[in-house]
C-alpha atoms as a PDB file:
ATOM      1  CA  MET A   1      38.974 -25.986 -12.553  1.00  0.00           C
ATOM      2  CA  GLN A   2      37.507 -23.007 -14.940  1.00  0.00           C
ATOM      3  CA  LYS A   3      34.059 -24.831 -15.345  1.00  0.00           C
ATOM      4  CA  ARG A   4      33.414 -25.487 -11.733  1.00  0.00           C
ATOM      5  CA  THR A   5      34.477 -21.863 -10.800  1.00  0.00           C
ATOM      6  CA  LEU A   6      32.133 -20.552 -13.141  1.00  0.00           C
ATOM      7  CA  LEU A   7      29.076 -22.728 -12.132  1.00  0.00           C
ATOM      8  CA  LYS A   8      29.789 -21.746  -8.667  1.00  0.00           C
ATOM      9  CA  GLN A   9      29.925 -18.388  -9.437  1.00  0.00           C
ATOM     10  CA  SER A  10      26.316 -18.383 -11.876  1.00  0.00           C
ATOM     11  CA  LEU A  11      25.070 -20.225  -8.563  1.00  0.00           C
ATOM     12  CA  ALA A  12      26.108 -17.635  -6.420  1.00  0.00           C
ATOM     13  CA  ILE A  13      25.005 -14.767  -8.738  1.00  0.00           C
ATOM     14  CA  ALA A  14      21.840 -16.703  -9.061  1.00  0.00           C
ATOM     15  CA  ALA A  15      20.931 -17.106  -5.531  1.00  0.00           C
ATOM     16  CA  LEU A  16      22.014 -13.181  -4.857  1.00  0.00           C
ATOM     17  CA  GLY A  17      19.325 -12.478  -7.198  1.00  0.00           C
ATOM     18  CA  LEU A  18      16.438 -14.532  -5.711  1.00  0.00           C
ATOM     19  CA  SER A  19      17.006 -13.584  -2.400  1.00  0.00           C
ATOM     20  CA  LEU A  20      16.704  -9.732  -4.023  1.00  0.00           C
ATOM     21  CA  THR A  21      13.665 -10.576  -5.488  1.00  0.00           C
ATOM     22  CA  THR A  22      12.718 -12.546  -2.035  1.00  0.00           C
ATOM     23  CA  ALA A  23      13.296  -9.334  -0.155  1.00  0.00           C
ATOM     24  CA  ALA A  24      11.574  -6.767  -2.732  1.00  0.00           C
ATOM     25  CA  HIS A  25       8.230  -8.981  -2.120  1.00  0.00           C
ATOM     26  CA  ALA A  26       7.997  -9.430   1.046  1.00  0.00           C
ATOM     27  CA  LEU A  27       4.676 -11.537   1.249  1.00  0.00           C
ATOM     28  CA  GLU A  28       2.173 -12.625  -1.594  1.00  0.00           C
ATOM     29  CA  VAL A  29      -1.497 -13.505  -0.759  1.00  0.00           C
ATOM     30  CA  GLU A  30      -3.583 -14.965  -3.576  1.00  0.00           C
ATOM     31  CA  GLY A  31      -0.962 -13.612  -6.465  1.00  0.00           C
ATOM     32  CA  GLN A  32      -0.851 -10.233  -4.759  1.00  0.00           C
ATOM     33  CA  GLN A  33       2.348  -8.643  -4.029  1.00  0.00           C
ATOM     34  CA  VAL A  34       2.170  -7.119  -0.796  1.00  0.00           C
ATOM     35  CA  PRO A  35       5.184  -4.783   0.037  1.00  0.00           C
ATOM     36  CA  GLU A  36       6.758  -4.472   3.050  1.00  0.00           C
ATOM     37  CA  HIS A  37       6.722  -0.661   3.790  1.00  0.00           C
ATOM     38  CA  ALA A  38       4.276   2.337   3.297  1.00  0.00           C
ATOM     39  CA  GLU A  39       4.022   6.339   4.166  1.00  0.00           C
ATOM     40  CA  VAL A  40       1.744   7.819   5.524  1.00  0.00           C
ATOM     41  CA  SER A  41       2.066  11.444   6.280  1.00  0.00           C
ATOM     42  CA  GLY A  42       5.916  11.314   6.152  1.00  0.00           C
ATOM     43  CA  GLN A  43       6.271   8.562   8.386  1.00  0.00           C
ATOM     44  CA  SER A  44       7.121   5.166   7.043  1.00  0.00           C
ATOM     45  CA  LEU A  45       4.899   2.184   8.332  1.00  0.00           C
ATOM     46  CA  LEU A  46       5.682  -1.366   8.373  1.00  0.00           C
ATOM     47  CA  LEU A  47       3.789  -4.500   6.883  1.00  0.00           C
ATOM     48  CA  ASP A  48       2.149  -5.887  10.211  1.00  0.00           C
ATOM     49  CA  GLY A  49       0.116  -8.658   8.103  1.00  0.00           C
ATOM     50  CA  ALA A  50      -1.971  -9.199   5.444  1.00  0.00           C
ATOM     51  CA  GLY A  51      -5.029 -11.500   4.377  1.00  0.00           C
ATOM     52  CA  LEU A  52      -7.777 -12.595   2.484  1.00  0.00           C
ATOM     53  CA  ARG A  53     -11.174 -11.838   2.914  1.00  0.00           C
ATOM     54  CA  LYS A  54     -13.542 -13.867   1.851  1.00  0.00           C
ATOM     55  CA  LYS A  55     -17.618 -13.743   1.445  1.00  0.00           C
ATOM     56  CA  VAL A  56     -19.579 -16.871   1.362  1.00  0.00           C
ATOM     57  CA  ILE A  57     -16.956 -18.645  -1.283  1.00  0.00           C
ATOM     58  CA  PHE A  58     -16.027 -15.264  -3.011  1.00  0.00           C
ATOM     59  CA  ASP A  59     -12.305 -13.699  -2.527  1.00  0.00           C
ATOM     60  CA  VAL A  60     -13.226 -10.606  -2.347  1.00  0.00           C
ATOM     61  CA  TYR A  61      -9.713  -8.846  -1.059  1.00  0.00           C
ATOM     62  CA  VAL A  62      -6.890  -8.937  -0.247  1.00  0.00           C
ATOM     63  CA  ALA A  63      -6.290  -6.294   2.834  1.00  0.00           C
ATOM     64  CA  ALA A  64      -2.965  -5.463   4.018  1.00  0.00           C
ATOM     65  CA  LEU A  65      -2.207  -3.330   7.392  1.00  0.00           C
ATOM     66  CA  TYR A  66       0.649  -0.867   8.031  1.00  0.00           C
ATOM     67  CA  THR A  67       1.929   0.085  11.251  1.00  0.00           C
ATOM     68  CA  SER A  68       4.552   2.345  12.880  1.00  0.00           C
ATOM     69  CA  ALA A  69       5.787  -0.994  15.061  1.00  0.00           C
ATOM     70  CA  LYS A  70       4.424  -4.305  14.401  1.00  0.00           C
ATOM     71  CA  THR A  71       2.098  -6.242  16.855  1.00  0.00           C
ATOM     72  CA  ALA A  72      -0.370  -9.172  17.722  1.00  0.00           C
ATOM     73  CA  ASP A  73      -2.954  -6.643  19.731  1.00  0.00           C
ATOM     74  CA  GLY A  74      -5.745  -5.808  17.573  1.00  0.00           C
ATOM     75  CA  ALA A  75      -6.889  -2.514  20.625  1.00  0.00           C
ATOM     76  CA  ALA A  76      -3.236  -1.373  20.473  1.00  0.00           C
ATOM     77  CA  VAL A  77      -3.472  -0.768  16.513  1.00  0.00           C
ATOM     78  CA  ILE A  78      -7.325   0.925  17.065  1.00  0.00           C
ATOM     79  CA  ASN A  79      -6.194   2.980  19.504  1.00  0.00           C
ATOM     80  CA  ALA A  80      -2.328   3.735  18.920  1.00  0.00           C
ATOM     81  CA  THR A  81      -1.095   7.533  18.215  1.00  0.00           C
ATOM     82  CA  SER A  82       1.003   7.062  15.204  1.00  0.00           C
ATOM     83  CA  PRO A  83      -0.316   7.208  11.966  1.00  0.00           C
ATOM     84  CA  ARG A  84      -1.675   3.435   9.991  1.00  0.00           C
ATOM     85  CA  ARG A  85      -2.864   2.468   6.930  1.00  0.00           C
ATOM     86  CA  MET A  86      -5.340  -0.314   5.615  1.00  0.00           C
ATOM     87  CA  GLU A  87      -4.983  -1.117   1.892  1.00  0.00           C
ATOM     88  CA  LEU A  88      -7.482  -2.945   0.011  1.00  0.00           C
ATOM     89  CA  LYS A  89      -6.375  -5.071  -3.081  1.00  0.00           C
ATOM     90  CA  MET A  90      -9.851  -5.656  -4.167  1.00  0.00           C
ATOM     91  CA  LEU A  91     -10.050  -9.561  -6.044  1.00  0.00           C
ATOM     92  CA  ARG A  92     -13.432  -9.043  -8.057  1.00  0.00           C
ATOM     93  CA  GLY A  93     -16.072  -6.145  -8.692  1.00  0.00           C
ATOM     94  CA  VAL A  94     -18.597  -5.086  -6.488  1.00  0.00           C
ATOM     95  CA  GLY A  95     -20.744  -2.274  -5.836  1.00  0.00           C
ATOM     96  CA  ALA A  96     -19.627   1.173  -4.194  1.00  0.00           C
ATOM     97  CA  SER A  97     -22.943   0.925  -2.441  1.00  0.00           C
ATOM     98  CA  THR A  98     -22.327  -3.029  -1.249  1.00  0.00           C
ATOM     99  CA  MET A  99     -18.815  -2.238  -0.044  1.00  0.00           C
ATOM    100  CA  HIS A 100     -20.616   0.973   2.251  1.00  0.00           C
ATOM    101  CA  GLU A 101     -23.084  -1.535   3.189  1.00  0.00           C
ATOM    102  CA  SER A 102     -20.193  -4.057   4.328  1.00  0.00           C
ATOM    103  CA  PHE A 103     -18.286  -1.210   6.349  1.00  0.00           C
ATOM    104  CA  VAL A 104     -21.399   0.075   8.159  1.00  0.00           C
ATOM    105  CA  GLU A 105     -21.885  -3.659   9.097  1.00  0.00           C
ATOM    106  CA  GLY A 106     -18.425  -3.430  10.926  1.00  0.00           C
ATOM    107  CA  LEU A 107     -19.035  -0.386  12.437  1.00  0.00           C
ATOM    108  CA  GLU A 108     -22.273  -1.228  14.248  1.00  0.00           C
ATOM    109  CA  ALA A 109     -21.114  -4.810  15.259  1.00  0.00           C
ATOM    110  CA  ASN A 110     -17.894  -2.822  16.607  1.00  0.00           C
ATOM    111  CA  THR A 111     -19.284  -0.107  18.349  1.00  0.00           C
ATOM    112  CA  THR A 112     -21.752   1.110  21.183  1.00  0.00           C
ATOM    113  CA  ASP A 113     -25.017   2.437  19.895  1.00  0.00           C
ATOM    114  CA  ALA A 114     -23.526   6.472  21.319  1.00  0.00           C
ATOM    115  CA  GLN A 115     -19.916   5.809  19.664  1.00  0.00           C
ATOM    116  CA  LEU A 116     -22.468   4.613  15.961  1.00  0.00           C
ATOM    117  CA  ALA A 117     -24.481   8.110  16.937  1.00  0.00           C
ATOM    118  CA  ALA A 118     -21.355  10.136  17.447  1.00  0.00           C
ATOM    119  CA  ILE A 119     -19.480   9.302  13.926  1.00  0.00           C
ATOM    120  CA  LYS A 120     -22.667   9.234  11.740  1.00  0.00           C
ATOM    121  CA  PRO A 121     -22.146  12.342  10.172  1.00  0.00           C
ATOM    122  CA  ARG A 122     -18.797  10.808   8.955  1.00  0.00           C
ATOM    123  CA  VAL A 123     -19.985   7.763   8.164  1.00  0.00           C
ATOM    124  CA  SER A 124     -22.644   9.766   5.373  1.00  0.00           C
ATOM    125  CA  GLN A 125     -19.395  11.583   4.165  1.00  0.00           C
ATOM    126  CA  LEU A 126     -18.304   8.058   4.159  1.00  0.00           C
ATOM    127  CA  GLU A 127     -21.398   6.747   1.646  1.00  0.00           C
ATOM    128  CA  LYS A 128     -20.739   9.900  -0.642  1.00  0.00           C
ATOM    129  CA  ILE A 129     -17.319   8.736  -1.449  1.00  0.00           C
ATOM    130  CA  PHE A 130     -18.732   5.405  -2.538  1.00  0.00           C
ATOM    131  CA  ALA A 131     -21.314   7.244  -4.420  1.00  0.00           C
ATOM    132  CA  ASP A 132     -18.609   8.888  -6.739  1.00  0.00           C
ATOM    133  CA  VAL A 133     -16.808   5.728  -6.740  1.00  0.00           C
ATOM    134  CA  LYS A 134     -19.810   3.695  -7.923  1.00  0.00           C
ATOM    135  CA  LYS A 135     -17.857   0.588  -8.362  1.00  0.00           C
ATOM    136  CA  VAL A 136     -14.636  -1.133  -7.560  1.00  0.00           C
ATOM    137  CA  GLU A 137     -13.583  -3.396  -9.703  1.00  0.00           C
ATOM    138  CA  LYS A 138     -10.891  -6.250  -9.819  1.00  0.00           C
ATOM    139  CA  GLY A 139      -7.537  -4.620  -9.322  1.00  0.00           C
ATOM    140  CA  ASP A 140      -8.414  -1.565  -7.661  1.00  0.00           C
ATOM    141  CA  LEU A 141      -6.384  -0.138  -4.539  1.00  0.00           C
ATOM    142  CA  ILE A 142      -8.914   1.212  -1.781  1.00  0.00           C
ATOM    143  CA  THR A 143      -6.362   3.003   0.783  1.00  0.00           C
ATOM    144  CA  LEU A 144      -7.564   3.881   4.117  1.00  0.00           C
ATOM    145  CA  ASP A 145      -4.926   6.237   6.055  1.00  0.00           C
ATOM    146  CA  PHE A 146      -5.449   6.633   9.511  1.00  0.00           C
ATOM    147  CA  ILE A 147      -3.581   9.756  10.712  1.00  0.00           C
ATOM    148  CA  PRO A 148      -3.822  10.811  14.342  1.00  0.00           C
ATOM    149  CA  GLY A 149      -5.121  14.743  15.190  1.00  0.00           C
ATOM    150  CA  THR A 150      -6.489  14.611  11.539  1.00  0.00           C
ATOM    151  CA  GLY A 151      -8.545  11.975  10.526  1.00  0.00           C
ATOM    152  CA  THR A 152      -9.156   9.402   7.820  1.00  0.00           C
ATOM    153  CA  LYS A 153      -7.722   9.804   4.169  1.00  0.00           C
ATOM    154  CA  VAL A 154      -9.510   7.688   1.525  1.00  0.00           C
ATOM    155  CA  SER A 155      -7.929   6.943  -1.983  1.00  0.00           C
ATOM    156  CA  VAL A 156     -10.035   5.086  -4.240  1.00  0.00           C
ATOM    157  CA  ARG A 157      -7.445   4.397  -7.424  1.00  0.00           C
ATOM    158  CA  GLY A 158      -5.406   6.568  -6.680  1.00  0.00           C
ATOM    159  CA  LYS A 159      -8.026   9.437  -6.306  1.00  0.00           C
ATOM    160  CA  ALA A 160      -7.698  10.963  -3.230  1.00  0.00           C
ATOM    161  CA  TYR A 161     -11.177  12.477  -1.286  1.00  0.00           C
ATOM    162  CA  PRO A 162     -11.379  14.860   1.706  1.00  0.00           C
ATOM    163  CA  VAL A 163     -10.003  13.684   4.828  1.00  0.00           C
ATOM    164  CA  ILE A 164     -12.776  12.285   7.222  1.00  0.00           C
ATOM    165  CA  PRO A 165     -11.898  14.291  11.065  1.00  0.00           C
ATOM    166  CA  GLY A 166     -11.719  12.344  14.035  1.00  0.00           C
ATOM    167  CA  ASP A 167      -9.945   9.795  15.996  1.00  0.00           C
ATOM    168  CA  ASP A 168     -12.683   7.944  16.738  1.00  0.00           C
ATOM    169  CA  PHE A 169     -13.873   7.684  13.581  1.00  0.00           C
ATOM    170  CA  ALA A 170     -10.441   5.935  12.700  1.00  0.00           C
ATOM    171  CA  SER A 171     -10.494   4.160  15.522  1.00  0.00           C
ATOM    172  CA  ALA A 172     -14.233   3.054  14.305  1.00  0.00           C
ATOM    173  CA  MET A 173     -12.978   2.159  11.268  1.00  0.00           C
ATOM    174  CA  LEU A 174     -10.639   0.150  11.741  1.00  0.00           C
ATOM    175  CA  SER A 175     -12.547  -2.056  14.276  1.00  0.00           C
ATOM    176  CA  ILE A 176     -14.166  -3.525  11.233  1.00  0.00           C
ATOM    177  CA  TRP A 177     -10.863  -5.401  10.818  1.00  0.00           C
ATOM    178  CA  LEU A 178      -9.219  -5.148  14.519  1.00  0.00           C
ATOM    179  CA  GLY A 179     -12.559  -5.370  16.943  1.00  0.00           C
ATOM    180  CA  GLN A 180     -14.182  -7.352  19.081  1.00  0.00           C
ATOM    181  CA  LYS A 181     -16.634  -8.847  16.128  1.00  0.00           C
ATOM    182  CA  PRO A 182     -13.970  -8.247  13.049  1.00  0.00           C
ATOM    183  CA  VAL A 183     -15.402  -8.646   9.771  1.00  0.00           C
ATOM    184  CA  GLN A 184     -13.496 -11.908   9.503  1.00  0.00           C
ATOM    185  CA  ASN A 185     -11.459 -13.740  11.951  1.00  0.00           C
ATOM    186  CA  ASP A 186      -8.817 -15.267  10.298  1.00  0.00           C
ATOM    187  CA  LEU A 187      -8.367 -12.136   8.150  1.00  0.00           C
ATOM    188  CA  LYS A 188      -7.925 -10.221  11.953  1.00  0.00           C
ATOM    189  CA  ALA A 189      -5.513 -13.186  13.239  1.00  0.00           C
ATOM    190  CA  ALA A 190      -3.384 -12.563   9.497  1.00  0.00           C
ATOM    191  CA  LEU A 191      -3.594  -8.932  10.089  1.00  0.00           C
ATOM    192  CA  LEU A 192      -1.688  -8.995  13.035  1.00  0.00           C
ATOM    193  CA  SER A 193       1.668  -9.959  13.526  1.00  0.00           C
ATOM    194  CA  LYS A 194       2.608 -13.035  15.642  1.00  0.00           C
ATOM    195  CA  PRO A 195       4.574 -12.856  18.667  1.00  0.00           C
ATOM    196  CA  SER A 196       7.998 -13.890  17.584  1.00  0.00           C
END
């Protein structure tokens, strides 16, 4: 009788431990743990979604989108008046100039000529950041914090760079993943919450 009770207690403790482990790691993508929350500008954000960026046959990075309220509407995230975050966890080494070029391609695909001309000096600021970085390695984290009324705060490997000003630049950057012509359709779908 005592053995049975002891076994039940052991199983209950094991189940509790498993549920706590599961709660702490809400999502795993390509072996990368994606936290449920992030904090931007003093505001707690929720994981909206996460997915894998592939280029041809290569896994490039795991992207995670954090918002103040989960949504399946990419345009709502792009135009939100609350903080947002995009995290890119690198799965392979990539030259910083290649990374910048891929961002520029995404901007060109999702902005008008006039919009692109308006943000061009700030795209140059982003280029300077990547010139300083030189190369992102497997395991590196690129964090893009979009702070309304302030701009876009870029961090690479924990090093914060000067804020790139403008809500228009922040919206254009988010359109790379969430716009009408996203960098990858299934990544866009993975980043946005599914309606319940």
